[in-house]
Amino acid sequence: METITTVNEHNFHSEVTQAAKPVLLEFWAEWCDPCDRLSPVLDNIAEKYDGEIKLVKSHVNDNENLAMKYNVDVIPTLLFFKDGQVVEQLAGYMSVPELSFRVNKVLKSSV
């Protein structure tokens, strides 16, 4: 199973925008309760979609420029990238079925 990668301003381009498969990026912080609740959901998604989608996380306080670039004003914020472009943006906690629905939608869409 692929692990969830941590991204920052230095490796964002290579890990996210140049990724060979769709990417699900979470902006999070340790003081964020919904982020804590979302963590096992993301682990489940990483296992369920192993090889189909890449999961990455970016700490919102450590990567303020990235958060501003992608208009992150609530955390957790989830961004789906496909072919280097944001194709969907979600905010707040989501259950495994809800997030699975969104992942399937992104995997089946064309940019």
PDB file of N, CA and C in Angstrom:
ATOM      1  N   MET A   1       0.836  -1.193   0.000  1.00  0.00           N
ATOM      2  CA  MET A   1       0.000   0.000   0.000  1.00  0.00           C
ATOM      3  C   MET A   1       0.877   1.253   0.000  1.00  0.00           C
ATOM      4  N   GLU A   2       0.477   2.221  -0.789  1.00  0.00           N
ATOM      5  CA  GLU A   2       1.189   3.493  -0.805  1.00  0.00           C
ATOM      6  C   GLU A   2       0.924   4.243   0.491  1.00  0.00           C
ATOM      7  N   THR A   3       1.930   4.937   0.970  1.00  0.00           N
ATOM      8  CA  THR A   3       1.735   5.760   2.143  1.00  0.00           C
ATOM      9  C   THR A   3       1.272   7.151   1.701  1.00  0.00           C
ATOM     10  N   ILE A   4       0.757   7.908   2.648  1.00  0.00           N
ATOM     11  CA  ILE A   4       0.346   9.281   2.376  1.00  0.00           C
ATOM     12  C   ILE A   4       1.589  10.151   2.506  1.00  0.00           C
ATOM     13  N   THR A   5       1.913  10.862   1.438  1.00  0.00           N
ATOM     14  CA  THR A   5       3.125  11.676   1.358  1.00  0.00           C
ATOM     15  C   THR A   5       2.863  13.074   1.899  1.00  0.00           C
ATOM     16  N   THR A   6       3.859  13.629   2.570  1.00  0.00           N
ATOM     17  CA  THR A   6       3.784  15.016   3.018  1.00  0.00           C
ATOM     18  C   THR A   6       4.399  15.902   1.946  1.00  0.00           C
ATOM     19  N   VAL A   7       3.662  16.945   1.578  1.00  0.00           N
ATOM     20  CA  VAL A   7       4.193  17.875   0.582  1.00  0.00           C
ATOM     21  C   VAL A   7       4.348  19.261   1.181  1.00  0.00           C
ATOM     22  N   ASN A   8       5.300  19.991   0.611  1.00  0.00           N
ATOM     23  CA  ASN A   8       5.542  21.370   1.010  1.00  0.00           C
ATOM     24  C   ASN A   8       5.822  22.173  -0.255  1.00  0.00           C
ATOM     25  N   GLU A   9       6.215  23.406  -0.082  1.00  0.00           N
ATOM     26  CA  GLU A   9       6.436  24.272  -1.235  1.00  0.00           C
ATOM     27  C   GLU A   9       7.604  23.798  -2.106  1.00  0.00           C
ATOM     28  N   HIS A  10       8.514  23.020  -1.538  1.00  0.00           N
ATOM     29  CA  HIS A  10       9.690  22.572  -2.291  1.00  0.00           C
ATOM     30  C   HIS A  10       9.413  21.340  -3.154  1.00  0.00           C
ATOM     31  N   ASN A  11       8.570  20.432  -2.679  1.00  0.00           N
ATOM     32  CA  ASN A  11       8.323  19.211  -3.449  1.00  0.00           C
ATOM     33  C   ASN A  11       6.922  19.163  -4.058  1.00  0.00           C
ATOM     34  N   PHE A  12       6.149  20.232  -3.928  1.00  0.00           N
ATOM     35  CA  PHE A  12       4.773  20.257  -4.418  1.00  0.00           C
ATOM     36  C   PHE A  12       4.690  19.968  -5.911  1.00  0.00           C
ATOM     37  N   HIS A  13       5.512  20.617  -6.684  1.00  0.00           N
ATOM     38  CA  HIS A  13       5.449  20.462  -8.143  1.00  0.00           C
ATOM     39  C   HIS A  13       5.708  19.008  -8.551  1.00  0.00           C
ATOM     40  N   SER A  14       6.765  18.422  -8.019  1.00  0.00           N
ATOM     41  CA  SER A  14       7.098  17.049  -8.411  1.00  0.00           C
ATOM     42  C   SER A  14       6.102  16.029  -7.859  1.00  0.00           C
ATOM     43  N   GLU A  15       5.586  16.250  -6.657  1.00  0.00           N
ATOM     44  CA  GLU A  15       4.684  15.279  -6.025  1.00  0.00           C
ATOM     45  C   GLU A  15       3.224  15.437  -6.457  1.00  0.00           C
ATOM     46  N   VAL A  16       2.819  16.645  -6.830  1.00  0.00           N
ATOM     47  CA  VAL A  16       1.406  16.893  -7.116  1.00  0.00           C
ATOM     48  C   VAL A  16       1.160  17.224  -8.585  1.00  0.00           C
ATOM     49  N   THR A  17       1.706  18.320  -9.058  1.00  0.00           N
ATOM     50  CA  THR A  17       1.350  18.755 -10.410  1.00  0.00           C
ATOM     51  C   THR A  17       1.992  17.902 -11.499  1.00  0.00           C
ATOM     52  N   GLN A  18       3.076  17.202 -11.190  1.00  0.00           N
ATOM     53  CA  GLN A  18       3.707  16.322 -12.177  1.00  0.00           C
ATOM     54  C   GLN A  18       3.379  14.848 -11.925  1.00  0.00           C
ATOM     55  N   ALA A  19       2.476  14.552 -11.031  1.00  0.00           N
ATOM     56  CA  ALA A  19       2.147  13.163 -10.703  1.00  0.00           C
ATOM     57  C   ALA A  19       1.535  12.453 -11.905  1.00  0.00           C
ATOM     58  N   ALA A  20       1.864  11.189 -12.045  1.00  0.00           N
ATOM     59  CA  ALA A  20       1.385  10.398 -13.178  1.00  0.00           C
ATOM     60  C   ALA A  20      -0.073   9.968 -13.016  1.00  0.00           C
ATOM     61  N   LYS A  21      -0.591  10.043 -11.801  1.00  0.00           N
ATOM     62  CA  LYS A  21      -1.986   9.655 -11.552  1.00  0.00           C
ATOM     63  C   LYS A  21      -2.680  10.768 -10.775  1.00  0.00           C
ATOM     64  N   PRO A  22      -3.996  10.714 -10.652  1.00  0.00           N
ATOM     65  CA  PRO A  22      -4.709  11.746  -9.892  1.00  0.00           C
ATOM     66  C   PRO A  22      -4.198  11.832  -8.450  1.00  0.00           C
ATOM     67  N   VAL A  23      -4.266  13.033  -7.899  1.00  0.00           N
ATOM     68  CA  VAL A  23      -3.770  13.294  -6.547  1.00  0.00           C
ATOM     69  C   VAL A  23      -4.899  13.860  -5.698  1.00  0.00           C
ATOM     70  N   LEU A  24      -4.993  13.374  -4.466  1.00  0.00           N
ATOM     71  CA  LEU A  24      -5.897  13.939  -3.470  1.00  0.00           C
ATOM     72  C   LEU A  24      -5.018  14.578  -2.418  1.00  0.00           C
ATOM     73  N   LEU A  25      -5.114  15.888  -2.297  1.00  0.00           N
ATOM     74  CA  LEU A  25      -4.304  16.672  -1.360  1.00  0.00           C
ATOM     75  C   LEU A  25      -5.183  17.170  -0.226  1.00  0.00           C
ATOM     76  N   GLU A  26      -4.731  16.951   1.014  1.00  0.00           N
ATOM     77  CA  GLU A  26      -5.426  17.494   2.176  1.00  0.00           C
ATOM     78  C   GLU A  26      -4.577  18.597   2.787  1.00  0.00           C
ATOM     79  N   PHE A  27      -5.170  19.769   2.982  1.00  0.00           N
ATOM     80  CA  PHE A  27      -4.581  20.809   3.810  1.00  0.00           C
ATOM     81  C   PHE A  27      -5.119  20.599   5.213  1.00  0.00           C
ATOM     82  N   TRP A  28      -4.237  20.519   6.197  1.00  0.00           N
ATOM     83  CA  TRP A  28      -4.623  20.147   7.558  1.00  0.00           C
ATOM     84  C   TRP A  28      -3.769  20.886   8.588  1.00  0.00           C
ATOM     85  N   ALA A  29      -4.127  20.700   9.867  1.00  0.00           N
ATOM     86  CA  ALA A  29      -3.318  21.163  11.001  1.00  0.00           C
ATOM     87  C   ALA A  29      -3.617  20.256  12.192  1.00  0.00           C
ATOM     88  N   GLU A  30      -2.647  20.104  13.080  1.00  0.00           N
ATOM     89  CA  GLU A  30      -2.834  19.203  14.221  1.00  0.00           C
ATOM     90  C   GLU A  30      -3.885  19.703  15.215  1.00  0.00           C
ATOM     91  N   TRP A  31      -4.160  20.982  15.247  1.00  0.00           N
ATOM     92  CA  TRP A  31      -5.147  21.536  16.172  1.00  0.00           C
ATOM     93  C   TRP A  31      -6.574  21.448  15.621  1.00  0.00           C
ATOM     94  N   CYS A  32      -6.731  20.894  14.438  1.00  0.00           N
ATOM     95  CA  CYS A  32      -8.024  20.831  13.744  1.00  0.00           C
ATOM     96  C   CYS A  32      -8.719  19.493  14.034  1.00  0.00           C
ATOM     97  N   ASP A  33      -9.804  19.529  14.806  1.00  0.00           N
ATOM     98  CA  ASP A  33     -10.540  18.310  15.150  1.00  0.00           C
ATOM     99  C   ASP A  33     -11.095  17.589  13.919  1.00  0.00           C
ATOM    100  N   PRO A  34     -11.740  18.287  12.976  1.00  0.00           N
ATOM    101  CA  PRO A  34     -12.210  17.578  11.774  1.00  0.00           C
ATOM    102  C   PRO A  34     -11.060  16.929  10.984  1.00  0.00           C
ATOM    103  N   CYS A  35      -9.869  17.530  11.029  1.00  0.00           N
ATOM    104  CA  CYS A  35      -8.706  16.931  10.360  1.00  0.00           C
ATOM    105  C   CYS A  35      -8.349  15.603  11.030  1.00  0.00           C
ATOM    106  N   ASP A  36      -8.388  15.575  12.361  1.00  0.00           N
ATOM    107  CA  ASP A  36      -8.119  14.339  13.094  1.00  0.00           C
ATOM    108  C   ASP A  36      -9.127  13.259  12.730  1.00  0.00           C
ATOM    109  N   ARG A  37     -10.380  13.624  12.632  1.00  0.00           N
ATOM    110  CA  ARG A  37     -11.427  12.654  12.293  1.00  0.00           C
ATOM    111  C   ARG A  37     -11.307  12.179  10.849  1.00  0.00           C
ATOM    112  N   LEU A  38     -10.771  13.042   9.971  1.00  0.00           N
ATOM    113  CA  LEU A  38     -10.617  12.695   8.564  1.00  0.00           C
ATOM    114  C   LEU A  38      -9.422  11.764   8.321  1.00  0.00           C
ATOM    115  N   SER A  39      -8.457  11.777   9.205  1.00  0.00           N
ATOM    116  CA  SER A  39      -7.237  11.000   9.013  1.00  0.00           C
ATOM    117  C   SER A  39      -7.497   9.507   8.767  1.00  0.00           C
ATOM    118  N   PRO A  40      -8.320   8.808   9.580  1.00  0.00           N
ATOM    119  CA  PRO A  40      -8.577   7.399   9.280  1.00  0.00           C
ATOM    120  C   PRO A  40      -9.369   7.197   7.986  1.00  0.00           C
ATOM    121  N   VAL A  41     -10.179   8.175   7.614  1.00  0.00           N
ATOM    122  CA  VAL A  41     -10.907   8.108   6.344  1.00  0.00           C
ATOM    123  C   VAL A  41      -9.904   8.125   5.193  1.00  0.00           C
ATOM    124  N   LEU A  42      -8.913   9.021   5.267  1.00  0.00           N
ATOM    125  CA  LEU A  42      -7.891   9.098   4.219  1.00  0.00           C
ATOM    126  C   LEU A  42      -7.049   7.829   4.170  1.00  0.00           C
ATOM    127  N   ASP A  43      -6.755   7.247   5.340  1.00  0.00           N
ATOM    128  CA  ASP A  43      -6.030   5.973   5.364  1.00  0.00           C
ATOM    129  C   ASP A  43      -6.831   4.894   4.645  1.00  0.00           C
ATOM    130  N   ASN A  44      -8.143   4.878   4.873  1.00  0.00           N
ATOM    131  CA  ASN A  44      -9.027   3.912   4.225  1.00  0.00           C
ATOM    132  C   ASN A  44      -9.022   4.127   2.707  1.00  0.00           C
ATOM    133  N   ILE A  45      -9.120   5.377   2.284  1.00  0.00           N
ATOM    134  CA  ILE A  45      -9.121   5.715   0.856  1.00  0.00           C
ATOM    135  C   ILE A  45      -7.785   5.317   0.227  1.00  0.00           C
ATOM    136  N   ALA A  46      -6.684   5.554   0.931  1.00  0.00           N
ATOM    137  CA  ALA A  46      -5.359   5.187   0.417  1.00  0.00           C
ATOM    138  C   ALA A  46      -5.288   3.687   0.177  1.00  0.00           C
ATOM    139  N   GLU A  47      -5.857   2.906   1.066  1.00  0.00           N
ATOM    140  CA  GLU A  47      -5.854   1.452   0.916  1.00  0.00           C
ATOM    141  C   GLU A  47      -6.812   1.014  -0.193  1.00  0.00           C
ATOM    142  N   LYS A  48      -8.001   1.595  -0.188  1.00  0.00           N
ATOM    143  CA  LYS A  48      -9.038   1.209  -1.150  1.00  0.00           C
ATOM    144  C   LYS A  48      -8.642   1.526  -2.594  1.00  0.00           C
ATOM    145  N   TYR A  49      -7.966   2.657  -2.797  1.00  0.00           N
ATOM    146  CA  TYR A  49      -7.609   3.112  -4.139  1.00  0.00           C
ATOM    147  C   TYR A  49      -6.101   3.031  -4.388  1.00  0.00           C
ATOM    148  N   ASP A  50      -5.443   2.099  -3.712  1.00  0.00           N
ATOM    149  CA  ASP A  50      -4.005   1.920  -3.867  1.00  0.00           C
ATOM    150  C   ASP A  50      -3.653   1.710  -5.341  1.00  0.00           C
ATOM    151  N   GLY A  51      -2.749   2.535  -5.846  1.00  0.00           N
ATOM    152  CA  GLY A  51      -2.330   2.428  -7.241  1.00  0.00           C
ATOM    153  C   GLY A  51      -3.149   3.260  -8.212  1.00  0.00           C
ATOM    154  N   GLU A  52      -4.325   3.715  -7.783  1.00  0.00           N
ATOM    155  CA  GLU A  52      -5.189   4.506  -8.666  1.00  0.00           C
ATOM    156  C   GLU A  52      -5.094   6.001  -8.409  1.00  0.00           C
ATOM    157  N   ILE A  53      -4.841   6.358  -7.139  1.00  0.00           N
ATOM    158  CA  ILE A  53      -4.793   7.768  -6.755  1.00  0.00           C
ATOM    159  C   ILE A  53      -3.671   7.939  -5.730  1.00  0.00           C
ATOM    160  N   LYS A  54      -3.039   9.081  -5.772  1.00  0.00           N
ATOM    161  CA  LYS A  54      -1.960   9.402  -4.832  1.00  0.00           C
ATOM    162  C   LYS A  54      -2.516  10.331  -3.767  1.00  0.00           C
ATOM    163  N   LEU A  55      -2.266  10.016  -2.493  1.00  0.00           N
ATOM    164  CA  LEU A  55      -2.717  10.872  -1.407  1.00  0.00           C
ATOM    165  C   LEU A  55      -1.541  11.620  -0.802  1.00  0.00           C
ATOM    166  N   VAL A  56      -1.738  12.932  -0.621  1.00  0.00           N
ATOM    167  CA  VAL A  56      -0.704  13.779  -0.035  1.00  0.00           C
ATOM    168  C   VAL A  56      -1.345  14.720   0.970  1.00  0.00           C
ATOM    169  N   LYS A  57      -0.519  15.179   1.916  1.00  0.00           N
ATOM    170  CA  LYS A  57      -0.983  16.125   2.937  1.00  0.00           C
ATOM    171  C   LYS A  57      -0.035  17.313   2.976  1.00  0.00           C
ATOM    172  N   SER A  58      -0.594  18.469   3.285  1.00  0.00           N
ATOM    173  CA  SER A  58       0.204  19.671   3.447  1.00  0.00           C
ATOM    174  C   SER A  58      -0.282  20.414   4.692  1.00  0.00           C
ATOM    175  N   HIS A  59       0.639  20.665   5.620  1.00  0.00           N
ATOM    176  CA  HIS A  59       0.292  21.387   6.846  1.00  0.00           C
ATOM    177  C   HIS A  59       0.041  22.853   6.490  1.00  0.00           C
ATOM    178  N   VAL A  60      -1.137  23.331   6.818  1.00  0.00           N
ATOM    179  CA  VAL A  60      -1.557  24.665   6.387  1.00  0.00           C
ATOM    180  C   VAL A  60      -0.675  25.768   6.984  1.00  0.00           C
ATOM    181  N   ASN A  61      -0.226  25.617   8.234  1.00  0.00           N
ATOM    182  CA  ASN A  61       0.608  26.655   8.851  1.00  0.00           C
ATOM    183  C   ASN A  61       2.019  26.673   8.287  1.00  0.00           C
ATOM    184  N   ASP A  62       2.536  25.513   7.922  1.00  0.00           N
ATOM    185  CA  ASP A  62       3.899  25.427   7.397  1.00  0.00           C
ATOM    186  C   ASP A  62       3.982  25.776   5.914  1.00  0.00           C
ATOM    187  N   ASN A  63       2.842  25.782   5.255  1.00  0.00           N
ATOM    188  CA  ASN A  63       2.817  26.013   3.804  1.00  0.00           C
ATOM    189  C   ASN A  63       1.761  27.056   3.448  1.00  0.00           C
ATOM    190  N   GLU A  64       1.868  28.203   4.078  1.00  0.00           N
ATOM    191  CA  GLU A  64       0.868  29.261   3.900  1.00  0.00           C
ATOM    192  C   GLU A  64       0.761  29.725   2.452  1.00  0.00           C
ATOM    193  N   ASN A  65       1.879  29.781   1.727  1.00  0.00           N
ATOM    194  CA  ASN A  65       1.827  30.231   0.330  1.00  0.00           C
ATOM    195  C   ASN A  65       1.007  29.271  -0.526  1.00  0.00           C
ATOM    196  N   LEU A  66       1.166  27.966  -0.295  1.00  0.00           N
ATOM    197  CA  LEU A  66       0.359  26.986  -1.035  1.00  0.00           C
ATOM    198  C   LEU A  66      -1.108  27.135  -0.669  1.00  0.00           C
ATOM    199  N   ALA A  67      -1.381  27.292   0.614  1.00  0.00           N
ATOM    200  CA  ALA A  67      -2.768  27.451   1.058  1.00  0.00           C
ATOM    201  C   ALA A  67      -3.404  28.689   0.426  1.00  0.00           C
ATOM    202  N   MET A  68      -2.665  29.775   0.359  1.00  0.00           N
ATOM    203  CA  MET A  68      -3.196  30.995  -0.257  1.00  0.00           C
ATOM    204  C   MET A  68      -3.388  30.807  -1.758  1.00  0.00           C
ATOM    205  N   LYS A  69      -2.436  30.143  -2.408  1.00  0.00           N
ATOM    206  CA  LYS A  69      -2.518  29.927  -3.854  1.00  0.00           C
ATOM    207  C   LYS A  69      -3.791  29.163  -4.222  1.00  0.00           C
ATOM    208  N   TYR A  70      -4.193  28.224  -3.373  1.00  0.00           N
ATOM    209  CA  TYR A  70      -5.366  27.398  -3.663  1.00  0.00           C
ATOM    210  C   TYR A  70      -6.600  27.814  -2.860  1.00  0.00           C
ATOM    211  N   ASN A  71      -6.577  29.046  -2.348  1.00  0.00           N
ATOM    212  CA  ASN A  71      -7.733  29.645  -1.666  1.00  0.00           C
ATOM    213  C   ASN A  71      -8.273  28.779  -0.528  1.00  0.00           C
ATOM    214  N   VAL A  72      -7.363  28.250   0.268  1.00  0.00           N
ATOM    215  CA  VAL A  72      -7.756  27.443   1.412  1.00  0.00           C
ATOM    216  C   VAL A  72      -8.080  28.380   2.565  1.00  0.00           C
ATOM    217  N   ASP A  73      -9.364  28.428   2.945  1.00  0.00           N
ATOM    218  CA  ASP A  73      -9.759  29.271   4.064  1.00  0.00           C
ATOM    219  C   ASP A  73     -10.426  28.468   5.175  1.00  0.00           C
ATOM    220  N   VAL A  74     -10.602  27.173   4.962  1.00  0.00           N
ATOM    221  CA  VAL A  74     -11.182  26.259   5.941  1.00  0.00           C
ATOM    222  C   VAL A  74     -10.356  24.981   5.893  1.00  0.00           C
ATOM    223  N   ILE A  75     -10.151  24.367   7.053  1.00  0.00           N
ATOM    224  CA  ILE A  75      -9.491  23.068   7.034  1.00  0.00           C
ATOM    225  C   ILE A  75     -10.352  22.054   7.772  1.00  0.00           C
ATOM    226  N   PRO A  76     -10.316  20.821   7.356  1.00  0.00           N
ATOM    227  CA  PRO A  76      -9.539  20.328   6.237  1.00  0.00           C
ATOM    228  C   PRO A  76     -10.132  20.761   4.900  1.00  0.00           C
ATOM    229  N   THR A  77      -9.248  21.038   3.959  1.00  0.00           N
ATOM    230  CA  THR A  77      -9.635  21.268   2.576  1.00  0.00           C
ATOM    231  C   THR A  77      -8.997  20.161   1.749  1.00  0.00           C
ATOM    232  N   LEU A  78      -9.786  19.569   0.884  1.00  0.00           N
ATOM    233  CA  LEU A  78      -9.314  18.516  -0.012  1.00  0.00           C
ATOM    234  C   LEU A  78      -9.348  19.032  -1.438  1.00  0.00           C
ATOM    235  N   LEU A  79      -8.229  18.879  -2.122  1.00  0.00           N
ATOM    236  CA  LEU A  79      -8.130  19.259  -3.532  1.00  0.00           C
ATOM    237  C   LEU A  79      -7.815  18.011  -4.345  1.00  0.00           C
ATOM    238  N   PHE A  80      -8.560  17.817  -5.411  1.00  0.00           N
ATOM    239  CA  PHE A  80      -8.275  16.739  -6.349  1.00  0.00           C
ATOM    240  C   PHE A  80      -7.554  17.338  -7.542  1.00  0.00           C
ATOM    241  N   PHE A  81      -6.392  16.790  -7.865  1.00  0.00           N
ATOM    242  CA  PHE A  81      -5.626  17.205  -9.033  1.00  0.00           C
ATOM    243  C   PHE A  81      -5.651  16.082 -10.048  1.00  0.00           C
ATOM    244  N   LYS A  82      -5.827  16.452 -11.295  1.00  0.00           N
ATOM    245  CA  LYS A  82      -5.743  15.495 -12.392  1.00  0.00           C
ATOM    246  C   LYS A  82      -4.981  16.189 -13.507  1.00  0.00           C
ATOM    247  N   ASP A  83      -3.944  15.555 -13.993  1.00  0.00           N
ATOM    248  CA  ASP A  83      -3.074  16.147 -15.009  1.00  0.00           C
ATOM    249  C   ASP A  83      -2.568  17.524 -14.595  1.00  0.00           C
ATOM    250  N   GLY A  84      -2.235  17.656 -13.312  1.00  0.00           N
ATOM    251  CA  GLY A  84      -1.654  18.884 -12.785  1.00  0.00           C
ATOM    252  C   GLY A  84      -2.626  20.002 -12.493  1.00  0.00           C
ATOM    253  N   GLN A  85      -3.920  19.790 -12.726  1.00  0.00           N
ATOM    254  CA  GLN A  85      -4.929  20.835 -12.522  1.00  0.00           C
ATOM    255  C   GLN A  85      -5.911  20.436 -11.428  1.00  0.00           C
ATOM    256  N   VAL A  86      -6.372  21.428 -10.665  1.00  0.00           N
ATOM    257  CA  VAL A  86      -7.410  21.164  -9.660  1.00  0.00           C
ATOM    258  C   VAL A  86      -8.716  20.898 -10.399  1.00  0.00           C
ATOM    259  N   VAL A  87      -9.323  19.750 -10.111  1.00  0.00           N
ATOM    260  CA  VAL A  87     -10.594  19.406 -10.752  1.00  0.00           C
ATOM    261  C   VAL A  87     -11.752  19.423  -9.773  1.00  0.00           C
ATOM    262  N   GLU A  88     -11.445  19.420  -8.472  1.00  0.00           N
ATOM    263  CA  GLU A  88     -12.503  19.522  -7.471  1.00  0.00           C
ATOM    264  C   GLU A  88     -11.889  19.968  -6.155  1.00  0.00           C
ATOM    265  N   GLN A  89     -12.655  20.759  -5.392  1.00  0.00           N
ATOM    266  CA  GLN A  89     -12.220  21.220  -4.077  1.00  0.00           C
ATOM    267  C   GLN A  89     -13.355  21.007  -3.094  1.00  0.00           C
ATOM    268  N   LEU A  90     -13.025  20.383  -1.957  1.00  0.00           N
ATOM    269  CA  LEU A  90     -14.008  20.091  -0.918  1.00  0.00           C
ATOM    270  C   LEU A  90     -13.478  20.614   0.411  1.00  0.00           C
ATOM    271  N   ALA A  91     -14.381  20.912   1.334  1.00  0.00           N
ATOM    272  CA  ALA A  91     -13.962  21.369   2.654  1.00  0.00           C
ATOM    273  C   ALA A  91     -14.743  20.631   3.730  1.00  0.00           C
ATOM    274  N   GLY A  92     -14.059  20.355   4.846  1.00  0.00           N
ATOM    275  CA  GLY A  92     -14.698  19.723   5.988  1.00  0.00           C
ATOM    276  C   GLY A  92     -14.567  18.211   5.980  1.00  0.00           C
ATOM    277  N   TYR A  93     -15.099  17.620   7.031  1.00  0.00           N
ATOM    278  CA  TYR A  93     -15.052  16.166   7.205  1.00  0.00           C
ATOM    279  C   TYR A  93     -15.955  15.478   6.194  1.00  0.00           C
ATOM    280  N   MET A  94     -15.516  14.324   5.713  1.00  0.00           N
ATOM    281  CA  MET A  94     -16.327  13.472   4.834  1.00  0.00           C
ATOM    282  C   MET A  94     -16.159  12.030   5.300  1.00  0.00           C
ATOM    283  N   SER A  95     -17.216  11.249   5.195  1.00  0.00           N
ATOM    284  CA  SER A  95     -17.153   9.832   5.537  1.00  0.00           C
ATOM    285  C   SER A  95     -16.478   9.062   4.406  1.00  0.00           C
ATOM    286  N   VAL A  96     -16.136   7.804   4.660  1.00  0.00           N
ATOM    287  CA  VAL A  96     -15.533   6.961   3.620  1.00  0.00           C
ATOM    288  C   VAL A  96     -16.449   6.844   2.401  1.00  0.00           C
ATOM    289  N   PRO A  97     -17.760   6.555   2.579  1.00  0.00           N
ATOM    290  CA  PRO A  97     -18.621   6.475   1.393  1.00  0.00           C
ATOM    291  C   PRO A  97     -18.693   7.791   0.607  1.00  0.00           C
ATOM    292  N   GLU A  98     -18.785   8.921   1.318  1.00  0.00           N
ATOM    293  CA  GLU A  98     -18.850  10.225   0.638  1.00  0.00           C
ATOM    294  C   GLU A  98     -17.572  10.499  -0.150  1.00  0.00           C
ATOM    295  N   LEU A  99     -16.434  10.269   0.486  1.00  0.00           N
ATOM    296  CA  LEU A  99     -15.167  10.549  -0.181  1.00  0.00           C
ATOM    297  C   LEU A  99     -14.912   9.542  -1.304  1.00  0.00           C
ATOM    298  N   SER A 100     -15.306   8.298  -1.109  1.00  0.00           N
ATOM    299  CA  SER A 100     -15.180   7.289  -2.179  1.00  0.00           C
ATOM    300  C   SER A 100     -15.972   7.707  -3.409  1.00  0.00           C
ATOM    301  N   PHE A 101     -17.176   8.233  -3.188  1.00  0.00           N
ATOM    302  CA  PHE A 101     -18.003   8.717  -4.299  1.00  0.00           C
ATOM    303  C   PHE A 101     -17.254   9.792  -5.077  1.00  0.00           C
ATOM    304  N   ARG A 102     -16.649  10.735  -4.349  1.00  0.00           N
ATOM    305  CA  ARG A 102     -15.914  11.834  -4.994  1.00  0.00           C
ATOM    306  C   ARG A 102     -14.679  11.327  -5.734  1.00  0.00           C
ATOM    307  N   VAL A 103     -13.961  10.377  -5.121  1.00  0.00           N
ATOM    308  CA  VAL A 103     -12.776   9.811  -5.771  1.00  0.00           C
ATOM    309  C   VAL A 103     -13.180   9.115  -7.069  1.00  0.00           C
ATOM    310  N   ASN A 104     -14.233   8.314  -7.012  1.00  0.00           N
ATOM    311  CA  ASN A 104     -14.708   7.624  -8.219  1.00  0.00           C
ATOM    312  C   ASN A 104     -15.072   8.612  -9.312  1.00  0.00           C
ATOM    313  N   LYS A 105     -15.707   9.699  -8.922  1.00  0.00           N
ATOM    314  CA  LYS A 105     -16.104  10.733  -9.876  1.00  0.00           C
ATOM    315  C   LYS A 105     -14.878  11.341 -10.567  1.00  0.00           C
ATOM    316  N   VAL A 106     -13.845  11.623  -9.784  1.00  0.00           N
ATOM    317  CA  VAL A 106     -12.612  12.194 -10.339  1.00  0.00           C
ATOM    318  C   VAL A 106     -11.910  11.175 -11.239  1.00  0.00           C
ATOM    319  N   LEU A 107     -11.854   9.927 -10.808  1.00  0.00           N
ATOM    320  CA  LEU A 107     -11.177   8.903 -11.600  1.00  0.00           C
ATOM    321  C   LEU A 107     -11.857   8.691 -12.958  1.00  0.00           C
ATOM    322  N   LYS A 108     -13.169   8.854 -13.008  1.00  0.00           N
ATOM    323  CA  LYS A 108     -13.909   8.624 -14.247  1.00  0.00           C
ATOM    324  C   LYS A 108     -13.992   9.860 -15.141  1.00  0.00           C
ATOM    325  N   SER A 109     -13.663  11.023 -14.605  1.00  0.00           N
ATOM    326  CA  SER A 109     -13.792  12.265 -15.386  1.00  0.00           C
ATOM    327  C   SER A 109     -12.570  12.461 -16.276  1.00  0.00           C
ATOM    328  N   SER A 110     -12.750  13.300 -17.266  1.00  0.00           N
ATOM    329  CA  SER A 110     -11.611  13.721 -18.083  1.00  0.00           C
ATOM    330  C   SER A 110     -11.444  15.216 -17.883  1.00  0.00           C
ATOM    331  N   VAL A 111     -10.214  15.652 -17.900  1.00  0.00           N
ATOM    332  CA  VAL A 111      -9.928  17.082 -17.656  1.00  0.00           C
ATOM    333  C   VAL A 111     -10.202  17.876 -18.910  1.00  0.00           C
TER     334      VAL A 111
END
